[in-house]
Amino acid sequence: MNGLLGQFFVLTESSELGFGLFSAAHFVWLILSAACIVAVSICYKRAAAASRRRMRRSVASLILGIELVKTAFLICMDEYDIGRLPLHLCGLAVYLEFIHSLRDRPADGFFSQFLFAFCMPGAVFALIFPDWVGYPLLSFMTFAGFLLHMLVVLYVVMQLCGGDIVPSFRRLPVCALIMLLICVPVFFFDRLTYTNYMFLNYPSPGSPLEWFSFLGRPGYLLGYIPLALLTWAVLYLPFALRRRFGSIDLE
């Protein structure tokens, strides 16, 4: 029991204690996350408008709650420092989704489009290539990492399934410009503080950004371009096809 409790409070990453990228434990987390997203999204699609509003606010509040509990936990353990700020894309998504959920109806504009084009795929990549694999499987940081990112994805996916968020390829350029405006100050913050928010200082280990490491620093950042284009093709193409052959009206 002491061993399990000890693992739960581990806040230092190591290859000896970590669960490992693409390990059996990692795949179990991915399967459970996918199952939860599918199940809740089906419920959301079948729910009435009032129930949908409660579900959006509940999920967004749970995401914010996990983030605040994690912050309080790290502060209590004297482990909260400049590298723990919510400046990763998923950290920003926590607050963006909470603000988004406060509206009585989903915001049919750039807010929703930004969540779809950047926050959701960012959280998906984080689940597939987690940067917390050095923590023990049964640690607080592992549970918080998977749950938080799974819920960030869920918040958007359930509204996609319910038709409350309709992807608009026409609005993508403005969303990309907004993302660029966010990245520029974060890039300089990373350089000044030797942090790696949004992985703008060096690639996340094991992630596709490492494929572009041969370009050096900051040259590897060019790898974001083909990765983003490929991701958006996967995200928008189904809706474009359904617009052409089905019922979804893609603006």
C-alpha atoms as a PDB file:
ATOM      1  CA  MET A   1       0.000   0.000   0.000  1.00  0.00           C
ATOM      2  CA  ASN A   2       2.825   2.368   0.874  1.00  0.00           C
ATOM      3  CA  GLY A   3       4.331   1.649  -2.525  1.00  0.00           C
ATOM      4  CA  LEU A   4       1.109   2.605  -4.322  1.00  0.00           C
ATOM      5  CA  LEU A   5       0.711   5.741  -2.235  1.00  0.00           C
ATOM      6  CA  GLY A   6       4.310   6.593  -2.896  1.00  0.00           C
ATOM      7  CA  GLN A   7       3.777   6.269  -6.653  1.00  0.00           C
ATOM      8  CA  PHE A   8       0.669   8.459  -6.481  1.00  0.00           C
ATOM      9  CA  PHE A   9       2.679  11.373  -5.094  1.00  0.00           C
ATOM     10  CA  VAL A  10       5.675  11.033  -7.414  1.00  0.00           C
ATOM     11  CA  LEU A  11       6.330  14.352  -9.177  1.00  0.00           C
ATOM     12  CA  THR A  12       9.707  13.590 -10.729  1.00  0.00           C
ATOM     13  CA  GLU A  13       9.757  11.864 -14.102  1.00  0.00           C
ATOM     14  CA  SER A  14      12.084   8.944 -14.798  1.00  0.00           C
ATOM     15  CA  SER A  15      12.263   6.121 -17.332  1.00  0.00           C
ATOM     16  CA  GLU A  16      12.479   3.583 -14.490  1.00  0.00           C
ATOM     17  CA  LEU A  17       9.173   4.650 -12.892  1.00  0.00           C
ATOM     18  CA  GLY A  18       7.299   5.814 -15.997  1.00  0.00           C
ATOM     19  CA  PHE A  19       4.662   3.778 -17.826  1.00  0.00           C
ATOM     20  CA  GLY A  20       6.238   4.345 -21.239  1.00  0.00           C
ATOM     21  CA  LEU A  21       5.064   5.663 -24.604  1.00  0.00           C
ATOM     22  CA  PHE A  22       2.898   3.153 -26.525  1.00  0.00           C
ATOM     23  CA  SER A  23       3.086   0.682 -23.673  1.00  0.00           C
ATOM     24  CA  ALA A  24       0.171  -1.627 -22.827  1.00  0.00           C
ATOM     25  CA  ALA A  25      -0.901   0.809 -20.099  1.00  0.00           C
ATOM     26  CA  HIS A  26      -0.841   3.690 -22.579  1.00  0.00           C
ATOM     27  CA  PHE A  27      -3.059   1.799 -25.025  1.00  0.00           C
ATOM     28  CA  VAL A  28      -5.502   0.923 -22.228  1.00  0.00           C
ATOM     29  CA  TRP A  29      -5.813   4.622 -21.396  1.00  0.00           C
ATOM     30  CA  LEU A  30      -6.407   5.449 -25.065  1.00  0.00           C
ATOM     31  CA  ILE A  31      -9.100   2.767 -25.398  1.00  0.00           C
ATOM     32  CA  LEU A  32     -10.866   3.888 -22.222  1.00  0.00           C
ATOM     33  CA  SER A  33     -10.685   7.525 -23.333  1.00  0.00           C
ATOM     34  CA  ALA A  34     -12.142   6.702 -26.754  1.00  0.00           C
ATOM     35  CA  ALA A  35     -14.940   4.636 -25.185  1.00  0.00           C
ATOM     36  CA  CYS A  36     -15.856   7.478 -22.821  1.00  0.00           C
ATOM     37  CA  ILE A  37     -15.850  10.050 -25.631  1.00  0.00           C
ATOM     38  CA  VAL A  38     -18.095   7.883 -27.819  1.00  0.00           C
ATOM     39  CA  ALA A  39     -20.540   7.048 -25.003  1.00  0.00           C
ATOM     40  CA  VAL A  40     -20.956  10.626 -23.759  1.00  0.00           C
ATOM     41  CA  SER A  41     -21.192  11.988 -27.312  1.00  0.00           C
ATOM     42  CA  ILE A  42     -24.045   9.595 -28.098  1.00  0.00           C
ATOM     43  CA  CYS A  43     -25.856  10.751 -24.953  1.00  0.00           C
ATOM     44  CA  TYR A  44     -25.270  14.375 -25.903  1.00  0.00           C
ATOM     45  CA  LYS A  45     -26.614  13.851 -29.409  1.00  0.00           C
ATOM     46  CA  ARG A  46     -29.831  12.350 -28.018  1.00  0.00           C
ATOM     47  CA  ALA A  47     -30.271  14.981 -25.297  1.00  0.00           C
ATOM     48  CA  ALA A  48     -32.630  17.953 -25.368  1.00  0.00           C
ATOM     49  CA  ALA A  49     -31.287  21.508 -25.547  1.00  0.00           C
ATOM     50  CA  ALA A  50     -31.449  22.091 -21.781  1.00  0.00           C
ATOM     51  CA  SER A  51     -29.677  18.813 -21.063  1.00  0.00           C
ATOM     52  CA  ARG A  52     -27.024  19.614 -23.626  1.00  0.00           C
ATOM     53  CA  ARG A  53     -26.354  22.941 -21.937  1.00  0.00           C
ATOM     54  CA  ARG A  54     -25.914  21.186 -18.583  1.00  0.00           C
ATOM     55  CA  MET A  55     -23.614  18.609 -20.150  1.00  0.00           C
ATOM     56  CA  ARG A  56     -21.432  21.275 -21.746  1.00  0.00           C
ATOM     57  CA  ARG A  57     -21.107  23.165 -18.494  1.00  0.00           C
ATOM     58  CA  SER A  58     -20.522  19.995 -16.486  1.00  0.00           C
ATOM     59  CA  VAL A  59     -17.722  18.787 -18.756  1.00  0.00           C
ATOM     60  CA  ALA A  60     -16.095  22.241 -18.926  1.00  0.00           C
ATOM     61  CA  SER A  61     -16.371  22.651 -15.149  1.00  0.00           C
ATOM     62  CA  LEU A  62     -14.846  19.219 -14.597  1.00  0.00           C
ATOM     63  CA  ILE A  63     -11.926  20.126 -16.865  1.00  0.00           C
ATOM     64  CA  LEU A  64     -11.361  23.369 -14.966  1.00  0.00           C
ATOM     65  CA  GLY A  65     -11.737  21.555 -11.651  1.00  0.00           C
ATOM     66  CA  ILE A  66      -9.063  18.998 -12.549  1.00  0.00           C
ATOM     67  CA  GLU A  67      -6.708  21.774 -13.648  1.00  0.00           C
ATOM     68  CA  LEU A  68      -7.239  23.740 -10.425  1.00  0.00           C
ATOM     69  CA  VAL A  69      -6.836  20.632  -8.255  1.00  0.00           C
ATOM     70  CA  LYS A  70      -3.607  19.788 -10.096  1.00  0.00           C
ATOM     71  CA  THR A  71      -2.347  23.328  -9.536  1.00  0.00           C
ATOM     72  CA  ALA A  72      -3.242  23.210  -5.834  1.00  0.00           C
ATOM     73  CA  PHE A  73      -1.629  19.771  -5.519  1.00  0.00           C
ATOM     74  CA  LEU A  74       1.623  21.013  -7.083  1.00  0.00           C
ATOM     75  CA  ILE A  75       1.627  24.137  -4.912  1.00  0.00           C
ATOM     76  CA  CYS A  76       1.121  22.047  -1.778  1.00  0.00           C
ATOM     77  CA  MET A  77       3.964  19.769  -2.832  1.00  0.00           C
ATOM     78  CA  ASP A  78       6.132  22.835  -3.510  1.00  0.00           C
ATOM     79  CA  GLU A  79       6.456  21.764  -7.154  1.00  0.00           C
ATOM     80  CA  TYR A  80       4.655  24.619  -8.914  1.00  0.00           C
ATOM     81  CA  ASP A  81       7.143  26.694 -10.848  1.00  0.00           C
ATOM     82  CA  ILE A  82       7.472  28.654 -14.078  1.00  0.00           C
ATOM     83  CA  GLY A  83       7.332  25.421 -16.065  1.00  0.00           C
ATOM     84  CA  ARG A  84       3.858  24.583 -14.744  1.00  0.00           C
ATOM     85  CA  LEU A  85       1.960  27.598 -16.064  1.00  0.00           C
ATOM     86  CA  PRO A  86      -1.108  26.954 -18.282  1.00  0.00           C
ATOM     87  CA  LEU A  87       0.642  28.120 -21.449  1.00  0.00           C
ATOM     88  CA  HIS A  88       0.476  24.904 -23.427  1.00  0.00           C
ATOM     89  CA  LEU A  89      -2.362  24.819 -25.951  1.00  0.00           C
ATOM     90  CA  CYS A  90      -4.272  22.331 -23.812  1.00  0.00           C
ATOM     91  CA  GLY A  91      -3.744  24.517 -20.753  1.00  0.00           C
ATOM     92  CA  LEU A  92      -5.325  27.411 -22.624  1.00  0.00           C
ATOM     93  CA  ALA A  93      -8.106  25.094 -23.821  1.00  0.00           C
ATOM     94  CA  VAL A  94      -9.139  24.477 -20.205  1.00  0.00           C
ATOM     95  CA  TYR A  95     -10.141  28.103 -19.794  1.00  0.00           C
ATOM     96  CA  LEU A  96     -11.361  28.641 -23.350  1.00  0.00           C
ATOM     97  CA  GLU A  97     -13.769  25.725 -23.090  1.00  0.00           C
ATOM     98  CA  PHE A  98     -15.050  26.874 -19.716  1.00  0.00           C
ATOM     99  CA  ILE A  99     -15.770  30.372 -21.080  1.00  0.00           C
ATOM    100  CA  HIS A 100     -17.336  28.804 -24.177  1.00  0.00           C
ATOM    101  CA  SER A 101     -19.650  26.693 -22.002  1.00  0.00           C
ATOM    102  CA  LEU A 102     -21.089  29.737 -20.210  1.00  0.00           C
ATOM    103  CA  ARG A 103     -23.141  30.699 -23.227  1.00  0.00           C
ATOM    104  CA  ASP A 104     -26.686  29.376 -23.302  1.00  0.00           C
ATOM    105  CA  ARG A 105     -26.108  28.205 -26.857  1.00  0.00           C
ATOM    106  CA  PRO A 106     -22.808  27.092 -28.418  1.00  0.00           C
ATOM    107  CA  ALA A 107     -20.976  30.014 -29.966  1.00  0.00           C
ATOM    108  CA  ASP A 108     -21.337  29.611 -33.737  1.00  0.00           C
ATOM    109  CA  GLY A 109     -18.271  31.615 -34.643  1.00  0.00           C
ATOM    110  CA  PHE A 110     -14.506  31.787 -34.420  1.00  0.00           C
ATOM    111  CA  PHE A 111     -14.550  30.636 -30.789  1.00  0.00           C
ATOM    112  CA  SER A 112     -16.059  27.267 -31.669  1.00  0.00           C
ATOM    113  CA  GLN A 113     -13.933  27.005 -34.811  1.00  0.00           C
ATOM    114  CA  PHE A 114     -10.738  27.605 -32.822  1.00  0.00           C
ATOM    115  CA  LEU A 115     -11.663  24.854 -30.380  1.00  0.00           C
ATOM    116  CA  PHE A 116     -12.226  22.489 -33.305  1.00  0.00           C
ATOM    117  CA  ALA A 117      -9.190  23.436 -35.388  1.00  0.00           C
ATOM    118  CA  PHE A 118      -6.594  23.732 -32.619  1.00  0.00           C
ATOM    119  CA  CYS A 119      -7.645  22.773 -29.089  1.00  0.00           C
ATOM    120  CA  MET A 120      -9.252  19.424 -29.909  1.00  0.00           C
ATOM    121  CA  PRO A 121      -6.494  18.090 -32.219  1.00  0.00           C
ATOM    122  CA  GLY A 122      -3.867  19.422 -29.807  1.00  0.00           C
ATOM    123  CA  ALA A 123      -5.404  17.354 -27.008  1.00  0.00           C
ATOM    124  CA  VAL A 124      -5.640  14.297 -29.286  1.00  0.00           C
ATOM    125  CA  PHE A 125      -1.928  14.561 -30.076  1.00  0.00           C
ATOM    126  CA  ALA A 126      -1.230  14.939 -26.353  1.00  0.00           C
ATOM    127  CA  LEU A 127      -3.095  11.699 -25.647  1.00  0.00           C
ATOM    128  CA  ILE A 128      -1.263   9.818 -28.394  1.00  0.00           C
ATOM    129  CA  PHE A 129       2.140  11.324 -27.591  1.00  0.00           C
ATOM    130  CA  PRO A 130       1.858  12.232 -23.886  1.00  0.00           C
ATOM    131  CA  ASP A 131       4.761  14.135 -22.365  1.00  0.00           C
ATOM    132  CA  TRP A 132       3.952  12.702 -18.928  1.00  0.00           C
ATOM    133  CA  VAL A 133       5.055   9.108 -19.677  1.00  0.00           C
ATOM    134  CA  GLY A 134       7.867   9.476 -17.138  1.00  0.00           C
ATOM    135  CA  TYR A 135       5.416   9.461 -14.231  1.00  0.00           C
ATOM    136  CA  PRO A 136       4.286   6.177 -12.642  1.00  0.00           C
ATOM    137  CA  LEU A 137       1.099   4.687 -14.080  1.00  0.00           C
ATOM    138  CA  LEU A 138      -0.810   5.119 -10.819  1.00  0.00           C
ATOM    139  CA  SER A 139       0.426   8.625 -10.075  1.00  0.00           C
ATOM    140  CA  PHE A 140      -1.741  11.702  -9.732  1.00  0.00           C
ATOM    141  CA  MET A 141       0.020  13.355 -12.670  1.00  0.00           C
ATOM    142  CA  THR A 142      -0.771  10.417 -14.963  1.00  0.00           C
ATOM    143  CA  PHE A 143      -4.451  10.382 -14.015  1.00  0.00           C
ATOM    144  CA  ALA A 144      -4.721  14.161 -14.318  1.00  0.00           C
ATOM    145  CA  GLY A 145      -2.924  14.173 -17.670  1.00  0.00           C
ATOM    146  CA  PHE A 146      -5.132  11.586 -19.337  1.00  0.00           C
ATOM    147  CA  LEU A 147      -8.418  12.742 -17.810  1.00  0.00           C
ATOM    148  CA  LEU A 148      -7.864  16.409 -18.573  1.00  0.00           C
ATOM    149  CA  HIS A 149      -6.905  15.876 -22.218  1.00  0.00           C
ATOM    150  CA  MET A 150      -9.648  13.311 -22.774  1.00  0.00           C
ATOM    151  CA  LEU A 151     -12.242  15.782 -21.480  1.00  0.00           C
ATOM    152  CA  VAL A 152     -10.858  18.593 -23.663  1.00  0.00           C
ATOM    153  CA  VAL A 153     -11.421  16.337 -26.684  1.00  0.00           C
ATOM    154  CA  LEU A 154     -14.820  15.217 -25.416  1.00  0.00           C
ATOM    155  CA  TYR A 155     -16.075  18.787 -25.017  1.00  0.00           C
ATOM    156  CA  VAL A 156     -15.646  19.446 -28.728  1.00  0.00           C
ATOM    157  CA  VAL A 157     -16.496  15.984 -30.093  1.00  0.00           C
ATOM    158  CA  MET A 158     -19.846  15.748 -28.334  1.00  0.00           C
ATOM    159  CA  GLN A 159     -20.881  19.102 -29.836  1.00  0.00           C
ATOM    160  CA  LEU A 160     -19.728  17.966 -33.261  1.00  0.00           C
ATOM    161  CA  CYS A 161     -21.903  14.884 -32.919  1.00  0.00           C
ATOM    162  CA  GLY A 162     -24.824  16.992 -31.779  1.00  0.00           C
ATOM    163  CA  GLY A 163     -24.423  19.460 -34.621  1.00  0.00           C
ATOM    164  CA  ASP A 164     -23.829  22.349 -32.233  1.00  0.00           C
ATOM    165  CA  ILE A 165     -20.377  22.925 -33.697  1.00  0.00           C
ATOM    166  CA  VAL A 166     -20.218  22.837 -37.494  1.00  0.00           C
ATOM    167  CA  PRO A 167     -16.680  23.064 -38.894  1.00  0.00           C
ATOM    168  CA  SER A 168     -16.149  26.004 -41.229  1.00  0.00           C
ATOM    169  CA  PHE A 169     -13.063  25.717 -43.432  1.00  0.00           C
ATOM    170  CA  ARG A 170     -13.607  29.318 -44.493  1.00  0.00           C
ATOM    171  CA  ARG A 171     -12.878  30.498 -40.957  1.00  0.00           C
ATOM    172  CA  LEU A 172      -9.718  28.420 -40.566  1.00  0.00           C
ATOM    173  CA  PRO A 173      -7.292  31.133 -41.827  1.00  0.00           C
ATOM    174  CA  VAL A 174      -8.444  33.583 -39.150  1.00  0.00           C
ATOM    175  CA  CYS A 175      -8.172  30.870 -36.493  1.00  0.00           C
ATOM    176  CA  ALA A 176      -4.642  30.112 -37.721  1.00  0.00           C
ATOM    177  CA  LEU A 177      -3.762  33.806 -37.482  1.00  0.00           C
ATOM    178  CA  ILE A 178      -5.076  33.928 -33.911  1.00  0.00           C
ATOM    179  CA  MET A 179      -2.988  30.858 -33.062  1.00  0.00           C
ATOM    180  CA  LEU A 180       0.088  32.501 -34.568  1.00  0.00           C
ATOM    181  CA  LEU A 181      -0.492  35.641 -32.519  1.00  0.00           C
ATOM    182  CA  ILE A 182      -0.629  33.470 -29.401  1.00  0.00           C
ATOM    183  CA  CYS A 183       2.505  31.521 -30.338  1.00  0.00           C
ATOM    184  CA  VAL A 184       4.751  34.527 -30.949  1.00  0.00           C
ATOM    185  CA  PRO A 185       4.843  35.788 -27.332  1.00  0.00           C
ATOM    186  CA  VAL A 186       4.950  32.205 -26.029  1.00  0.00           C
ATOM    187  CA  PHE A 187       7.982  31.536 -28.253  1.00  0.00           C
ATOM    188  CA  PHE A 188       9.894  34.459 -26.775  1.00  0.00           C
ATOM    189  CA  PHE A 189       8.724  33.547 -23.269  1.00  0.00           C
ATOM    190  CA  ASP A 190      10.143  30.047 -23.805  1.00  0.00           C
ATOM    191  CA  ARG A 191      13.466  31.463 -24.929  1.00  0.00           C
ATOM    192  CA  LEU A 192      13.712  33.882 -22.015  1.00  0.00           C
ATOM    193  CA  THR A 193      12.697  31.370 -19.329  1.00  0.00           C
ATOM    194  CA  TYR A 194      14.129  28.139 -20.848  1.00  0.00           C
ATOM    195  CA  THR A 195      10.678  26.565 -20.809  1.00  0.00           C
ATOM    196  CA  ASN A 196       9.015  24.657 -23.652  1.00  0.00           C
ATOM    197  CA  TYR A 197       5.397  25.758 -23.821  1.00  0.00           C
ATOM    198  CA  MET A 198       3.631  24.625 -26.992  1.00  0.00           C
ATOM    199  CA  PHE A 199       6.895  22.779 -27.738  1.00  0.00           C
ATOM    200  CA  LEU A 200       8.312  25.911 -29.372  1.00  0.00           C
ATOM    201  CA  ASN A 201      11.773  25.499 -27.846  1.00  0.00           C
ATOM    202  CA  TYR A 202      12.389  21.821 -28.653  1.00  0.00           C
ATOM    203  CA  PRO A 203      10.258  18.881 -29.838  1.00  0.00           C
ATOM    204  CA  SER A 204       8.328  16.783 -27.360  1.00  0.00           C
ATOM    205  CA  PRO A 205      10.132  13.411 -27.040  1.00  0.00           C
ATOM    206  CA  GLY A 206       8.468  10.731 -29.142  1.00  0.00           C
ATOM    207  CA  SER A 207       6.198  13.176 -30.972  1.00  0.00           C
ATOM    208  CA  PRO A 208       6.069  13.696 -34.771  1.00  0.00           C
ATOM    209  CA  LEU A 209       7.914  16.987 -34.281  1.00  0.00           C
ATOM    210  CA  GLU A 210      11.034  14.920 -33.641  1.00  0.00           C
ATOM    211  CA  TRP A 211      10.938  13.880 -37.307  1.00  0.00           C
ATOM    212  CA  PHE A 212      11.998  17.429 -38.119  1.00  0.00           C
ATOM    213  CA  SER A 213      14.807  17.650 -35.561  1.00  0.00           C
ATOM    214  CA  PHE A 214      17.356  17.527 -38.381  1.00  0.00           C
ATOM    215  CA  LEU A 215      16.307  21.107 -39.205  1.00  0.00           C
ATOM    216  CA  GLY A 216      17.725  22.249 -35.871  1.00  0.00           C
ATOM    217  CA  ARG A 217      16.307  24.904 -33.581  1.00  0.00           C
ATOM    218  CA  PRO A 218      14.098  26.727 -34.369  1.00  0.00           C
ATOM    219  CA  GLY A 219      14.059  25.123 -37.841  1.00  0.00           C
ATOM    220  CA  TYR A 220      12.139  22.083 -36.594  1.00  0.00           C
ATOM    221  CA  LEU A 221       9.152  24.399 -36.074  1.00  0.00           C
ATOM    222  CA  LEU A 222       8.606  24.228 -39.840  1.00  0.00           C
ATOM    223  CA  GLY A 223       7.381  20.712 -39.132  1.00  0.00           C
ATOM    224  CA  TYR A 224       4.227  22.216 -37.673  1.00  0.00           C
ATOM    225  CA  ILE A 225       3.165  23.235 -41.191  1.00  0.00           C
ATOM    226  CA  PRO A 226       2.835  19.775 -42.811  1.00  0.00           C
ATOM    227  CA  LEU A 227       1.534  18.291 -39.556  1.00  0.00           C
ATOM    228  CA  ALA A 228      -1.147  20.975 -39.297  1.00  0.00           C
ATOM    229  CA  LEU A 229      -2.138  20.634 -42.954  1.00  0.00           C
ATOM    230  CA  LEU A 230      -2.430  16.854 -42.628  1.00  0.00           C
ATOM    231  CA  THR A 231      -4.433  17.173 -39.415  1.00  0.00           C
ATOM    232  CA  TRP A 232      -6.841  19.684 -40.933  1.00  0.00           C
ATOM    233  CA  ALA A 233      -7.292  17.500 -44.009  1.00  0.00           C
ATOM    234  CA  VAL A 234      -8.349  14.631 -41.752  1.00  0.00           C
ATOM    235  CA  LEU A 235     -10.622  16.901 -39.690  1.00  0.00           C
ATOM    236  CA  TYR A 236     -12.358  18.874 -42.429  1.00  0.00           C
ATOM    237  CA  LEU A 237     -12.553  16.344 -45.277  1.00  0.00           C
ATOM    238  CA  PRO A 238     -15.390  14.242 -43.752  1.00  0.00           C
ATOM    239  CA  PHE A 239     -17.515  17.352 -43.311  1.00  0.00           C
ATOM    240  CA  ALA A 240     -16.703  18.557 -46.819  1.00  0.00           C
ATOM    241  CA  LEU A 241     -17.773  15.176 -48.203  1.00  0.00           C
ATOM    242  CA  ARG A 242     -20.978  15.198 -46.180  1.00  0.00           C
ATOM    243  CA  ARG A 243     -21.703  18.687 -47.412  1.00  0.00           C
ATOM    244  CA  ARG A 244     -21.310  17.484 -50.968  1.00  0.00           C
ATOM    245  CA  PHE A 245     -23.202  14.213 -50.601  1.00  0.00           C
ATOM    246  CA  GLY A 246     -25.127  14.544 -47.348  1.00  0.00           C
ATOM    247  CA  SER A 247     -26.807  16.853 -44.915  1.00  0.00           C
ATOM    248  CA  ILE A 248     -24.088  18.822 -43.145  1.00  0.00           C
ATOM    249  CA  ASP A 249     -23.844  22.423 -44.281  1.00  0.00           C
ATOM    250  CA  LEU A 250     -20.173  23.332 -44.160  1.00  0.00           C
ATOM    251  CA  GLU A 251     -19.872  27.098 -44.516  1.00  0.00           C
END
